[in-house]
């Protein structure tokens, strides 16, 4: 499975990429929304993990753009901002899930396993 990680915080993107790699997945990292959308259009992406707060296009807009092109791809929005309104905005933008930061490695591993199993069926 190819995971697109859209995160401008280098330590967070490295953590997510390490977990993806340890789970047997390939990944691409984009530090902003524009690069994320280019990578999405150029690569075979199976799962998107996108932070809300990005330079340029925010994570909600990235989720909307990707969702407009594909209704099947899982999109996970992550954010240090928590609360029902942030979660609802992620769902309204087309996300399947919302994960709060700091991202717990065990939660991310479970999520990757769940979506990998879904993509194989």
PDB file of N, CA and C in Angstrom:
ATOM      1  N   UNK A   1       0.839  -1.172   0.000  1.00  0.00           N
ATOM      2  CA  UNK A   1       0.000   0.000   0.000  1.00  0.00           C
ATOM      3  C   UNK A   1       0.887   1.238   0.000  1.00  0.00           C
ATOM      4  N   UNK A   2       0.500   2.245  -0.786  1.00  0.00           N
ATOM      5  CA  UNK A   2       1.213   3.517  -0.850  1.00  0.00           C
ATOM      6  C   UNK A   2       0.473   4.553  -0.022  1.00  0.00           C
ATOM      7  N   UNK A   3       1.184   5.127   0.925  1.00  0.00           N
ATOM      8  CA  UNK A   3       0.611   6.103   1.833  1.00  0.00           C
ATOM      9  C   UNK A   3       1.150   7.482   1.483  1.00  0.00           C
ATOM     10  N   UNK A   4       0.263   8.450   1.318  1.00  0.00           N
ATOM     11  CA  UNK A   4       0.659   9.838   1.123  1.00  0.00           C
ATOM     12  C   UNK A   4       0.554  10.532   2.472  1.00  0.00           C
ATOM     13  N   UNK A   5       1.694  10.997   2.970  1.00  0.00           N
ATOM     14  CA  UNK A   5       1.773  11.682   4.258  1.00  0.00           C
ATOM     15  C   UNK A   5       1.917  13.174   3.968  1.00  0.00           C
ATOM     16  N   UNK A   6       0.939  13.951   4.395  1.00  0.00           N
ATOM     17  CA  UNK A   6       0.945  15.390   4.144  1.00  0.00           C
ATOM     18  C   UNK A   6       1.094  16.083   5.493  1.00  0.00           C
ATOM     19  N   UNK A   7       2.316  16.481   5.795  1.00  0.00           N
ATOM     20  CA  UNK A   7       2.647  17.016   7.116  1.00  0.00           C
ATOM     21  C   UNK A   7       3.857  17.929   6.987  1.00  0.00           C
ATOM     22  N   UNK A   8       3.746  19.154   7.490  1.00  0.00           N
ATOM     23  CA  UNK A   8       4.864  20.093   7.398  1.00  0.00           C
ATOM     24  C   UNK A   8       5.794  20.040   8.600  1.00  0.00           C
ATOM     25  N   UNK A   9       5.424  19.316   9.632  1.00  0.00           N
ATOM     26  CA  UNK A   9       6.275  19.161  10.810  1.00  0.00           C
ATOM     27  C   UNK A   9       7.146  17.922  10.595  1.00  0.00           C
ATOM     28  N   UNK A  10       8.437  18.150  10.389  1.00  0.00           N
ATOM     29  CA  UNK A  10       9.342  17.059  10.015  1.00  0.00           C
ATOM     30  C   UNK A  10       9.357  15.908  11.031  1.00  0.00           C
ATOM     31  N   UNK A  11       9.454  16.162  12.346  1.00  0.00           N
ATOM     32  CA  UNK A  11       9.434  15.028  13.284  1.00  0.00           C
ATOM     33  C   UNK A  11       8.149  14.198  13.190  1.00  0.00           C
ATOM     34  N   UNK A  12       7.024  14.855  12.977  1.00  0.00           N
ATOM     35  CA  UNK A  12       5.756  14.120  12.865  1.00  0.00           C
ATOM     36  C   UNK A  12       5.731  13.308  11.574  1.00  0.00           C
ATOM     37  N   UNK A  13       6.165  13.907  10.449  1.00  0.00           N
ATOM     38  CA  UNK A  13       6.176  13.158   9.192  1.00  0.00           C
ATOM     39  C   UNK A  13       7.149  11.978   9.263  1.00  0.00           C
ATOM     40  N   UNK A  14       8.268  12.155   9.948  1.00  0.00           N
ATOM     41  CA  UNK A  14       9.212  11.036  10.102  1.00  0.00           C
ATOM     42  C   UNK A  14       8.623   9.925  10.963  1.00  0.00           C
ATOM     43  N   UNK A  15       7.898  10.282  12.012  1.00  0.00           N
ATOM     44  CA  UNK A  15       7.244   9.276  12.852  1.00  0.00           C
ATOM     45  C   UNK A  15       6.220   8.484  12.040  1.00  0.00           C
ATOM     46  N   UNK A  16       5.383   9.187  11.299  1.00  0.00           N
ATOM     47  CA  UNK A  16       4.354   8.511  10.507  1.00  0.00           C
ATOM     48  C   UNK A  16       4.990   7.641   9.426  1.00  0.00           C
ATOM     49  N   UNK A  17       6.029   8.159   8.765  1.00  0.00           N
ATOM     50  CA  UNK A  17       6.689   7.377   7.712  1.00  0.00           C
ATOM     51  C   UNK A  17       7.371   6.134   8.283  1.00  0.00           C
ATOM     52  N   UNK A  18       7.948   6.256   9.474  1.00  0.00           N
ATOM     53  CA  UNK A  18       8.582   5.096  10.110  1.00  0.00           C
ATOM     54  C   UNK A  18       7.540   4.022  10.416  1.00  0.00           C
ATOM     55  N   UNK A  19       6.396   4.434  10.928  1.00  0.00           N
ATOM     56  CA  UNK A  19       5.333   3.479  11.243  1.00  0.00           C
ATOM     57  C   UNK A  19       4.800   2.838   9.969  1.00  0.00           C
ATOM     58  N   UNK A  20       4.629   3.634   8.924  1.00  0.00           N
ATOM     59  CA  UNK A  20       4.169   3.080   7.643  1.00  0.00           C
ATOM     60  C   UNK A  20       5.168   2.055   7.118  1.00  0.00           C
ATOM     61  N   UNK A  21       6.439   2.411   7.159  1.00  0.00           N
ATOM     62  CA  UNK A  21       7.478   1.507   6.658  1.00  0.00           C
ATOM     63  C   UNK A  21       7.554   0.225   7.484  1.00  0.00           C
ATOM     64  N   UNK A  22       7.483   0.361   8.813  1.00  0.00           N
ATOM     65  CA  UNK A  22       7.507  -0.824   9.685  1.00  0.00           C
ATOM     66  C   UNK A  22       6.297  -1.721   9.460  1.00  0.00           C
ATOM     67  N   UNK A  23       5.213  -1.128   8.993  1.00  0.00           N
ATOM     68  CA  UNK A  23       3.990  -1.892   8.704  1.00  0.00           C
ATOM     69  C   UNK A  23       4.003  -2.470   7.295  1.00  0.00           C
ATOM     70  N   UNK A  24       5.103  -2.253   6.560  1.00  0.00           N
ATOM     71  CA  UNK A  24       5.254  -2.829   5.235  1.00  0.00           C
ATOM     72  C   UNK A  24       4.701  -1.992   4.097  1.00  0.00           C
ATOM     73  N   UNK A  25       4.510  -0.693   4.327  1.00  0.00           N
ATOM     74  CA  UNK A  25       3.939   0.174   3.308  1.00  0.00           C
ATOM     75  C   UNK A  25       4.988   1.126   2.744  1.00  0.00           C
ATOM     76  N   UNK A  26       4.800   1.505   1.507  1.00  0.00           N
ATOM     77  CA  UNK A  26       5.599   2.561   0.892  1.00  0.00           C
ATOM     78  C   UNK A  26       4.925   3.885   1.210  1.00  0.00           C
ATOM     79  N   UNK A  27       5.677   4.970   1.108  1.00  0.00           N
ATOM     80  CA  UNK A  27       5.088   6.264   1.436  1.00  0.00           C
ATOM     81  C   UNK A  27       5.724   7.376   0.612  1.00  0.00           C
ATOM     82  N   UNK A  28       4.982   8.455   0.508  1.00  0.00           N
ATOM     83  CA  UNK A  28       5.441   9.699  -0.101  1.00  0.00           C
ATOM     84  C   UNK A  28       5.128  10.792   0.915  1.00  0.00           C
ATOM     85  N   UNK A  29       6.032  11.760   1.049  1.00  0.00           N
ATOM     86  CA  UNK A  29       5.831  12.849   2.002  1.00  0.00           C
ATOM     87  C   UNK A  29       5.706  14.159   1.240  1.00  0.00           C
ATOM     88  N   UNK A  30       4.682  14.932   1.611  1.00  0.00           N
ATOM     89  CA  UNK A  30       4.498  16.280   1.081  1.00  0.00           C
ATOM     90  C   UNK A  30       4.422  17.226   2.271  1.00  0.00           C
ATOM     91  N   UNK A  31       5.171  18.317   2.211  1.00  0.00           N
ATOM     92  CA  UNK A  31       5.187  19.282   3.307  1.00  0.00           C
ATOM     93  C   UNK A  31       4.167  20.397   3.119  1.00  0.00           C
ATOM     94  N   UNK A  32       3.440  20.382   1.998  1.00  0.00           N
ATOM     95  CA  UNK A  32       2.397  21.384   1.782  1.00  0.00           C
ATOM     96  C   UNK A  32       1.300  20.800   0.901  1.00  0.00           C
ATOM     97  N   UNK A  33       0.186  21.498   0.858  1.00  0.00           N
ATOM     98  CA  UNK A  33      -0.975  21.006   0.131  1.00  0.00           C
ATOM     99  C   UNK A  33      -0.780  20.916  -1.369  1.00  0.00           C
ATOM    100  N   UNK A  34      -0.074  21.887  -1.943  1.00  0.00           N
ATOM    101  CA  UNK A  34       0.147  21.871  -3.389  1.00  0.00           C
ATOM    102  C   UNK A  34       0.940  20.638  -3.820  1.00  0.00           C
ATOM    103  N   UNK A  35       2.022  20.356  -3.093  1.00  0.00           N
ATOM    104  CA  UNK A  35       2.823  19.171  -3.417  1.00  0.00           C
ATOM    105  C   UNK A  35       2.004  17.902  -3.198  1.00  0.00           C
ATOM    106  N   UNK A  36       1.189  17.882  -2.164  1.00  0.00           N
ATOM    107  CA  UNK A  36       0.348  16.711  -1.901  1.00  0.00           C
ATOM    108  C   UNK A  36      -0.562  16.409  -3.082  1.00  0.00           C
ATOM    109  N   UNK A  37      -1.194  17.438  -3.621  1.00  0.00           N
ATOM    110  CA  UNK A  37      -2.108  17.224  -4.742  1.00  0.00           C
ATOM    111  C   UNK A  37      -1.353  16.789  -5.995  1.00  0.00           C
ATOM    112  N   UNK A  38      -0.153  17.323  -6.201  1.00  0.00           N
ATOM    113  CA  UNK A  38       0.667  16.869  -7.348  1.00  0.00           C
ATOM    114  C   UNK A  38       1.055  15.405  -7.178  1.00  0.00           C
ATOM    115  N   UNK A  39       1.536  15.037  -6.001  1.00  0.00           N
ATOM    116  CA  UNK A  39       1.916  13.640  -5.764  1.00  0.00           C
ATOM    117  C   UNK A  39       0.716  12.712  -5.923  1.00  0.00           C
ATOM    118  N   UNK A  40      -0.423  13.138  -5.411  1.00  0.00           N
ATOM    119  CA  UNK A  40      -1.628  12.316  -5.534  1.00  0.00           C
ATOM    120  C   UNK A  40      -1.965  12.062  -7.002  1.00  0.00           C
ATOM    121  N   UNK A  41      -1.822  13.083  -7.825  1.00  0.00           N
ATOM    122  CA  UNK A  41      -2.170  12.926  -9.245  1.00  0.00           C
ATOM    123  C   UNK A  41      -1.118  12.138 -10.016  1.00  0.00           C
ATOM    124  N   UNK A  42       0.102  12.058  -9.505  1.00  0.00           N
ATOM    125  CA  UNK A  42       1.190  11.392 -10.222  1.00  0.00           C
ATOM    126  C   UNK A  42       1.491   9.977  -9.724  1.00  0.00           C
ATOM    127  N   UNK A  43       1.030   9.619  -8.572  1.00  0.00           N
ATOM    128  CA  UNK A  43       1.361   8.331  -7.955  1.00  0.00           C
ATOM    129  C   UNK A  43       0.103   7.509  -7.703  1.00  0.00           C
ATOM    130  N   UNK A  44       0.314   6.240  -7.479  1.00  0.00           N
ATOM    131  CA  UNK A  44      -0.779   5.334  -7.115  1.00  0.00           C
ATOM    132  C   UNK A  44      -0.880   5.346  -5.589  1.00  0.00           C
ATOM    133  N   UNK A  45      -1.776   6.151  -5.058  1.00  0.00           N
ATOM    134  CA  UNK A  45      -1.909   6.342  -3.614  1.00  0.00           C
ATOM    135  C   UNK A  45      -3.102   5.533  -3.107  1.00  0.00           C
ATOM    136  N   UNK A  46      -2.885   4.807  -1.992  1.00  0.00           N
ATOM    137  CA  UNK A  46      -3.929   3.974  -1.407  1.00  0.00           C
ATOM    138  C   UNK A  46      -4.536   4.557  -0.140  1.00  0.00           C
ATOM    139  N   UNK A  47      -3.813   5.459   0.517  1.00  0.00           N
ATOM    140  CA  UNK A  47      -4.263   6.048   1.776  1.00  0.00           C
ATOM    141  C   UNK A  47      -3.610   7.413   1.917  1.00  0.00           C
ATOM    142  N   UNK A  48      -4.382   8.395   2.389  1.00  0.00           N
ATOM    143  CA  UNK A  48      -3.855   9.742   2.612  1.00  0.00           C
ATOM    144  C   UNK A  48      -3.971  10.068   4.095  1.00  0.00           C
ATOM    145  N   UNK A  49      -2.865  10.534   4.660  1.00  0.00           N
ATOM    146  CA  UNK A  49      -2.849  11.046   6.033  1.00  0.00           C
ATOM    147  C   UNK A  49      -2.443  12.510   5.916  1.00  0.00           C
ATOM    148  N   UNK A  50      -3.340  13.412   6.302  1.00  0.00           N
ATOM    149  CA  UNK A  50      -3.105  14.831   6.058  1.00  0.00           C
ATOM    150  C   UNK A  50      -3.344  15.657   7.320  1.00  0.00           C
ATOM    151  N   UNK A  51      -2.390  16.523   7.627  1.00  0.00           N
ATOM    152  CA  UNK A  51      -2.521  17.461   8.733  1.00  0.00           C
ATOM    153  C   UNK A  51      -3.449  18.590   8.311  1.00  0.00           C
ATOM    154  N   UNK A  52      -4.157  19.175   9.241  1.00  0.00           N
ATOM    155  CA  UNK A  52      -5.059  20.285   8.942  1.00  0.00           C
ATOM    156  C   UNK A  52      -4.271  21.540   8.582  1.00  0.00           C
ATOM    157  N   UNK A  53      -3.307  21.887   9.416  1.00  0.00           N
ATOM    158  CA  UNK A  53      -2.591  23.145   9.255  1.00  0.00           C
ATOM    159  C   UNK A  53      -1.345  22.931   8.408  1.00  0.00           C
ATOM    160  N   UNK A  54      -1.413  23.461   7.183  1.00  0.00           N
ATOM    161  CA  UNK A  54      -0.324  23.344   6.220  1.00  0.00           C
ATOM    162  C   UNK A  54      -0.069  24.710   5.596  1.00  0.00           C
ATOM    163  N   UNK A  55       1.141  24.927   5.093  1.00  0.00           N
ATOM    164  CA  UNK A  55       1.354  26.157   4.329  1.00  0.00           C
ATOM    165  C   UNK A  55       0.560  26.096   3.027  1.00  0.00           C
ATOM    166  N   UNK A  56       0.004  27.221   2.615  1.00  0.00           N
ATOM    167  CA  UNK A  56      -0.773  27.252   1.371  1.00  0.00           C
ATOM    168  C   UNK A  56      -2.125  26.603   1.568  1.00  0.00           C
ATOM    169  N   UNK A  57      -2.423  25.614   0.762  1.00  0.00           N
ATOM    170  CA  UNK A  57      -3.699  24.902   0.834  1.00  0.00           C
ATOM    171  C   UNK A  57      -3.750  24.097   2.135  1.00  0.00           C
ATOM    172  N   UNK A  58      -4.817  24.273   2.928  1.00  0.00           N
ATOM    173  CA  UNK A  58      -4.886  23.538   4.193  1.00  0.00           C
ATOM    174  C   UNK A  58      -5.328  22.089   3.978  1.00  0.00           C
ATOM    175  N   UNK A  59      -5.240  21.311   5.032  1.00  0.00           N
ATOM    176  CA  UNK A  59      -5.554  19.894   4.947  1.00  0.00           C
ATOM    177  C   UNK A  59      -6.991  19.590   4.596  1.00  0.00           C
ATOM    178  N   UNK A  60      -7.909  20.457   5.021  1.00  0.00           N
ATOM    179  CA  UNK A  60      -9.309  20.247   4.653  1.00  0.00           C
ATOM    180  C   UNK A  60      -9.490  20.367   3.144  1.00  0.00           C
ATOM    181  N   UNK A  61      -8.849  21.363   2.546  1.00  0.00           N
ATOM    182  CA  UNK A  61      -8.971  21.546   1.098  1.00  0.00           C
ATOM    183  C   UNK A  61      -8.309  20.384   0.350  1.00  0.00           C
ATOM    184  N   UNK A  62      -7.165  19.907   0.853  1.00  0.00           N
ATOM    185  CA  UNK A  62      -6.512  18.741   0.248  1.00  0.00           C
ATOM    186  C   UNK A  62      -7.478  17.557   0.274  1.00  0.00           C
ATOM    187  N   UNK A  63      -8.114  17.337   1.419  1.00  0.00           N
ATOM    188  CA  UNK A  63      -9.073  16.228   1.538  1.00  0.00           C
ATOM    189  C   UNK A  63     -10.223  16.395   0.546  1.00  0.00           C
ATOM    190  N   UNK A  64     -10.752  17.618   0.429  1.00  0.00           N
ATOM    191  CA  UNK A  64     -11.858  17.869  -0.505  1.00  0.00           C
ATOM    192  C   UNK A  64     -11.449  17.576  -1.950  1.00  0.00           C
ATOM    193  N   UNK A  65     -10.282  18.068  -2.335  1.00  0.00           N
ATOM    194  CA  UNK A  65      -9.802  17.877  -3.714  1.00  0.00           C
ATOM    195  C   UNK A  65      -9.621  16.390  -4.023  1.00  0.00           C
ATOM    196  N   UNK A  66      -9.007  15.676  -3.107  1.00  0.00           N
ATOM    197  CA  UNK A  66      -8.791  14.240  -3.329  1.00  0.00           C
ATOM    198  C   UNK A  66     -10.132  13.503  -3.348  1.00  0.00           C
ATOM    199  N   UNK A  67     -11.013  13.849  -2.423  1.00  0.00           N
ATOM    200  CA  UNK A  67     -12.322  13.198  -2.373  1.00  0.00           C
ATOM    201  C   UNK A  67     -13.118  13.459  -3.658  1.00  0.00           C
ATOM    202  N   UNK A  68     -12.967  14.634  -4.241  1.00  0.00           N
ATOM    203  CA  UNK A  68     -13.656  14.943  -5.501  1.00  0.00           C
ATOM    204  C   UNK A  68     -13.181  14.053  -6.648  1.00  0.00           C
ATOM    205  N   UNK A  69     -11.933  13.580  -6.566  1.00  0.00           N
ATOM    206  CA  UNK A  69     -11.388  12.720  -7.620  1.00  0.00           C
ATOM    207  C   UNK A  69     -11.621  11.241  -7.349  1.00  0.00           C
ATOM    208  N   UNK A  70     -11.740  10.883  -6.085  1.00  0.00           N
ATOM    209  CA  UNK A  70     -11.898   9.466  -5.747  1.00  0.00           C
ATOM    210  C   UNK A  70     -12.708   9.329  -4.463  1.00  0.00           C
ATOM    211  N   UNK A  71     -13.806   8.635  -4.563  1.00  0.00           N
ATOM    212  CA  UNK A  71     -14.649   8.451  -3.374  1.00  0.00           C
ATOM    213  C   UNK A  71     -14.204   7.263  -2.529  1.00  0.00           C
ATOM    214  N   UNK A  72     -13.318   6.426  -3.071  1.00  0.00           N
ATOM    215  CA  UNK A  72     -12.940   5.195  -2.383  1.00  0.00           C
ATOM    216  C   UNK A  72     -11.699   5.309  -1.503  1.00  0.00           C
ATOM    217  N   UNK A  73     -10.819   6.252  -1.792  1.00  0.00           N
ATOM    218  CA  UNK A  73      -9.544   6.318  -1.064  1.00  0.00           C
ATOM    219  C   UNK A  73      -9.767   6.747   0.390  1.00  0.00           C
ATOM    220  N   UNK A  74      -9.179   6.031   1.331  1.00  0.00           N
ATOM    221  CA  UNK A  74      -9.291   6.440   2.731  1.00  0.00           C
ATOM    222  C   UNK A  74      -8.469   7.713   2.977  1.00  0.00           C
ATOM    223  N   UNK A  75      -9.076   8.657   3.669  1.00  0.00           N
ATOM    224  CA  UNK A  75      -8.406   9.904   4.038  1.00  0.00           C
ATOM    225  C   UNK A  75      -8.500  10.052   5.554  1.00  0.00           C
ATOM    226  N   UNK A  76      -7.340  10.243   6.184  1.00  0.00           N
ATOM    227  CA  UNK A  76      -7.268  10.442   7.626  1.00  0.00           C
ATOM    228  C   UNK A  76      -6.726  11.843   7.866  1.00  0.00           C
ATOM    229  N   UNK A  77      -7.476  12.656   8.575  1.00  0.00           N
ATOM    230  CA  UNK A  77      -7.037  13.999   8.930  1.00  0.00           C
ATOM    231  C   UNK A  77      -6.470  13.952  10.341  1.00  0.00           C
ATOM    232  N   UNK A  78      -5.310  14.588  10.528  1.00  0.00           N
ATOM    233  CA  UNK A  78      -4.699  14.676  11.851  1.00  0.00           C
ATOM    234  C   UNK A  78      -4.561  16.151  12.227  1.00  0.00           C
ATOM    235  N   UNK A  79      -4.635  16.415  13.521  1.00  0.00           N
ATOM    236  CA  UNK A  79      -4.492  17.799  13.969  1.00  0.00           C
ATOM    237  C   UNK A  79      -4.205  17.856  15.455  1.00  0.00           C
ATOM    238  N   UNK A  80      -3.426  18.856  15.828  1.00  0.00           N
ATOM    239  CA  UNK A  80      -3.209  19.149  17.241  1.00  0.00           C
ATOM    240  C   UNK A  80      -4.406  19.863  17.839  1.00  0.00           C
ATOM    241  N   UNK A  81      -5.255  20.409  16.985  1.00  0.00           N
ATOM    242  CA  UNK A  81      -6.499  21.046  17.428  1.00  0.00           C
ATOM    243  C   UNK A  81      -7.536  19.959  17.606  1.00  0.00           C
ATOM    244  N   UNK A  82      -8.102  19.909  18.786  1.00  0.00           N
ATOM    245  CA  UNK A  82      -9.053  18.848  19.067  1.00  0.00           C
ATOM    246  C   UNK A  82     -10.416  19.429  19.391  1.00  0.00           C
ATOM    247  N   UNK A  83     -11.370  18.596  19.414  1.00  0.00           N
ATOM    248  CA  UNK A  83     -12.731  19.030  19.718  1.00  0.00           C
ATOM    249  C   UNK A  83     -13.660  18.632  18.598  1.00  0.00           C
ATOM    250  N   UNK A  84     -14.932  18.669  18.909  1.00  0.00           N
ATOM    251  CA  UNK A  84     -15.946  18.208  17.971  1.00  0.00           C
ATOM    252  C   UNK A  84     -15.952  19.001  16.673  1.00  0.00           C
ATOM    253  N   UNK A  85     -15.728  20.317  16.733  1.00  0.00           N
ATOM    254  CA  UNK A  85     -15.785  21.121  15.507  1.00  0.00           C
ATOM    255  C   UNK A  85     -14.658  20.756  14.544  1.00  0.00           C
ATOM    256  N   UNK A  86     -13.476  20.477  15.053  1.00  0.00           N
ATOM    257  CA  UNK A  86     -12.351  20.079  14.183  1.00  0.00           C
ATOM    258  C   UNK A  86     -12.647  18.727  13.550  1.00  0.00           C
ATOM    259  N   UNK A  87     -13.156  17.819  14.353  1.00  0.00           N
ATOM    260  CA  UNK A  87     -13.507  16.487  13.856  1.00  0.00           C
ATOM    261  C   UNK A  87     -14.597  16.601  12.791  1.00  0.00           C
ATOM    262  N   UNK A  88     -15.621  17.386  13.049  1.00  0.00           N
ATOM    263  CA  UNK A  88     -16.724  17.527  12.096  1.00  0.00           C
ATOM    264  C   UNK A  88     -16.260  18.173  10.795  1.00  0.00           C
ATOM    265  N   UNK A  89     -15.378  19.169  10.886  1.00  0.00           N
ATOM    266  CA  UNK A  89     -14.844  19.794   9.671  1.00  0.00           C
ATOM    267  C   UNK A  89     -14.078  18.778   8.825  1.00  0.00           C
ATOM    268  N   UNK A  90     -13.349  17.878   9.478  1.00  0.00           N
ATOM    269  CA  UNK A  90     -12.615  16.840   8.748  1.00  0.00           C
ATOM    270  C   UNK A  90     -13.584  15.914   8.025  1.00  0.00           C
ATOM    271  N   UNK A  91     -14.626  15.491   8.697  1.00  0.00           N
ATOM    272  CA  UNK A  91     -15.623  14.611   8.082  1.00  0.00           C
ATOM    273  C   UNK A  91     -16.325  15.333   6.940  1.00  0.00           C
ATOM    274  N   UNK A  92     -16.676  16.599   7.154  1.00  0.00           N
ATOM    275  CA  UNK A  92     -17.336  17.388   6.109  1.00  0.00           C
ATOM    276  C   UNK A  92     -16.438  17.566   4.886  1.00  0.00           C
ATOM    277  N   UNK A  93     -15.122  17.575   5.087  1.00  0.00           N
ATOM    278  CA  UNK A  93     -14.175  17.724   3.974  1.00  0.00           C
ATOM    279  C   UNK A  93     -13.970  16.408   3.224  1.00  0.00           C
ATOM    280  N   UNK A  94     -14.515  15.310   3.750  1.00  0.00           N
ATOM    281  CA  UNK A  94     -14.401  14.027   3.061  1.00  0.00           C
ATOM    282  C   UNK A  94     -13.522  13.012   3.746  1.00  0.00           C
ATOM    283  N   UNK A  95     -13.023  13.346   4.931  1.00  0.00           N
ATOM    284  CA  UNK A  95     -12.160  12.409   5.654  1.00  0.00           C
ATOM    285  C   UNK A  95     -12.965  11.232   6.188  1.00  0.00           C
ATOM    286  N   UNK A  96     -12.303  10.088   6.240  1.00  0.00           N
ATOM    287  CA  UNK A  96     -12.903   8.915   6.861  1.00  0.00           C
ATOM    288  C   UNK A  96     -12.707   8.932   8.365  1.00  0.00           C
ATOM    289  N   UNK A  97     -11.588   9.526   8.786  1.00  0.00           N
ATOM    290  CA  UNK A  97     -11.248   9.522  10.208  1.00  0.00           C
ATOM    291  C   UNK A  97     -10.497  10.782  10.578  1.00  0.00           C
ATOM    292  N   UNK A  98     -10.498  11.072  11.874  1.00  0.00           N
ATOM    293  CA  UNK A  98      -9.765  12.185  12.448  1.00  0.00           C
ATOM    294  C   UNK A  98      -8.930  11.640  13.594  1.00  0.00           C
ATOM    295  N   UNK A  99      -7.627  11.885  13.562  1.00  0.00           N
ATOM    296  CA  UNK A  99      -6.744  11.462  14.656  1.00  0.00           C
ATOM    297  C   UNK A  99      -6.142  12.698  15.303  1.00  0.00           C
ATOM    298  N   UNK A 100      -6.210  12.776  16.619  1.00  0.00           N
ATOM    299  CA  UNK A 100      -5.589  13.909  17.304  1.00  0.00           C
ATOM    300  C   UNK A 100      -4.074  13.727  17.397  1.00  0.00           C
ATOM    301  N   UNK A 101      -3.379  14.858  17.413  1.00  0.00           N
ATOM    302  CA  UNK A 101      -1.942  14.850  17.686  1.00  0.00           C
ATOM    303  C   UNK A 101      -1.769  15.059  19.183  1.00  0.00           C
ATOM    304  N   UNK A 102      -0.742  14.532  19.793  1.00  0.00           N
ATOM    305  CA  UNK A 102       0.274  13.732  19.134  1.00  0.00           C
ATOM    306  C   UNK A 102      -0.284  12.376  18.702  1.00  0.00           C
ATOM    307  N   UNK A 103       0.133  11.963  17.513  1.00  0.00           N
ATOM    308  CA  UNK A 103      -0.320  10.697  16.951  1.00  0.00           C
ATOM    309  C   UNK A 103       0.307   9.561  17.753  1.00  0.00           C
ATOM    310  N   UNK A 104      -0.540   8.696  18.260  1.00  0.00           N
ATOM    311  CA  UNK A 104      -0.042   7.530  18.995  1.00  0.00           C
ATOM    312  C   UNK A 104       0.350   6.450  17.992  1.00  0.00           C
ATOM    313  N   UNK A 105       1.581   5.949  18.065  1.00  0.00           N
ATOM    314  CA  UNK A 105       2.018   4.918  17.118  1.00  0.00           C
ATOM    315  C   UNK A 105       1.083   3.713  17.059  1.00  0.00           C
ATOM    316  N   UNK A 106       0.573   3.265  18.196  1.00  0.00           N
ATOM    317  CA  UNK A 106      -0.311   2.090  18.192  1.00  0.00           C
ATOM    318  C   UNK A 106      -1.610   2.383  17.441  1.00  0.00           C
ATOM    319  N   UNK A 107      -2.139   3.591  17.577  1.00  0.00           N
ATOM    320  CA  UNK A 107      -3.359   3.961  16.845  1.00  0.00           C
ATOM    321  C   UNK A 107      -3.102   3.994  15.348  1.00  0.00           C
ATOM    322  N   UNK A 108      -1.966   4.540  14.967  1.00  0.00           N
ATOM    323  CA  UNK A 108      -1.633   4.620  13.551  1.00  0.00           C
ATOM    324  C   UNK A 108      -1.382   3.235  12.964  1.00  0.00           C
ATOM    325  N   UNK A 109      -0.700   2.368  13.704  1.00  0.00           N
ATOM    326  CA  UNK A 109      -0.473   1.004  13.224  1.00  0.00           C
ATOM    327  C   UNK A 109      -1.796   0.274  13.023  1.00  0.00           C
ATOM    328  N   UNK A 110      -2.710   0.415  13.954  1.00  0.00           N
ATOM    329  CA  UNK A 110      -4.030  -0.226  13.828  1.00  0.00           C
ATOM    330  C   UNK A 110      -4.772   0.297  12.614  1.00  0.00           C
ATOM    331  N   UNK A 111      -4.709   1.603  12.419  1.00  0.00           N
ATOM    332  CA  UNK A 111      -5.376   2.222  11.284  1.00  0.00           C
ATOM    333  C   UNK A 111      -4.811   1.690   9.966  1.00  0.00           C
ATOM    334  N   UNK A 112      -3.492   1.623   9.863  1.00  0.00           N
ATOM    335  CA  UNK A 112      -2.860   1.107   8.642  1.00  0.00           C
ATOM    336  C   UNK A 112      -3.243  -0.343   8.397  1.00  0.00           C
ATOM    337  N   UNK A 113      -3.254  -1.150   9.442  1.00  0.00           N
ATOM    338  CA  UNK A 113      -3.641  -2.558   9.284  1.00  0.00           C
ATOM    339  C   UNK A 113      -5.077  -2.678   8.815  1.00  0.00           C
ATOM    340  N   UNK A 114      -5.954  -1.876   9.379  1.00  0.00           N
ATOM    341  CA  UNK A 114      -7.367  -1.932   9.021  1.00  0.00           C
ATOM    342  C   UNK A 114      -7.570  -1.549   7.545  1.00  0.00           C
ATOM    343  N   UNK A 115      -6.927  -0.474   7.099  1.00  0.00           N
ATOM    344  CA  UNK A 115      -7.110  -0.036   5.730  1.00  0.00           C
ATOM    345  C   UNK A 115      -6.382  -0.943   4.739  1.00  0.00           C
ATOM    346  N   UNK A 116      -5.279  -1.550   5.143  1.00  0.00           N
ATOM    347  CA  UNK A 116      -4.611  -2.509   4.269  1.00  0.00           C
ATOM    348  C   UNK A 116      -5.517  -3.708   4.058  1.00  0.00           C
ATOM    349  N   UNK A 117      -6.114  -4.208   5.118  1.00  0.00           N
ATOM    350  CA  UNK A 117      -7.015  -5.355   4.986  1.00  0.00           C
ATOM    351  C   UNK A 117      -8.200  -5.007   4.079  1.00  0.00           C
ATOM    352  N   UNK A 118      -8.715  -3.799   4.188  1.00  0.00           N
ATOM    353  CA  UNK A 118      -9.831  -3.360   3.360  1.00  0.00           C
ATOM    354  C   UNK A 118      -9.431  -3.264   1.898  1.00  0.00           C
ATOM    355  N   UNK A 119      -8.209  -2.768   1.628  1.00  0.00           N
ATOM    356  CA  UNK A 119      -7.780  -2.591   0.233  1.00  0.00           C
ATOM    357  C   UNK A 119      -7.466  -3.924  -0.436  1.00  0.00           C
ATOM    358  N   UNK A 120      -7.229  -4.964   0.345  1.00  0.00           N
ATOM    359  CA  UNK A 120      -6.907  -6.272  -0.230  1.00  0.00           C
ATOM    360  C   UNK A 120      -8.161  -7.082  -0.553  1.00  0.00           C
ATOM    361  N   UNK A 121      -9.312  -6.666  -0.033  1.00  0.00           N
ATOM    362  CA  UNK A 121     -10.529  -7.436  -0.284  1.00  0.00           C
ATOM    363  C   UNK A 121     -11.263  -6.961  -1.514  1.00  0.00           C
TER     364      UNK A 121
END
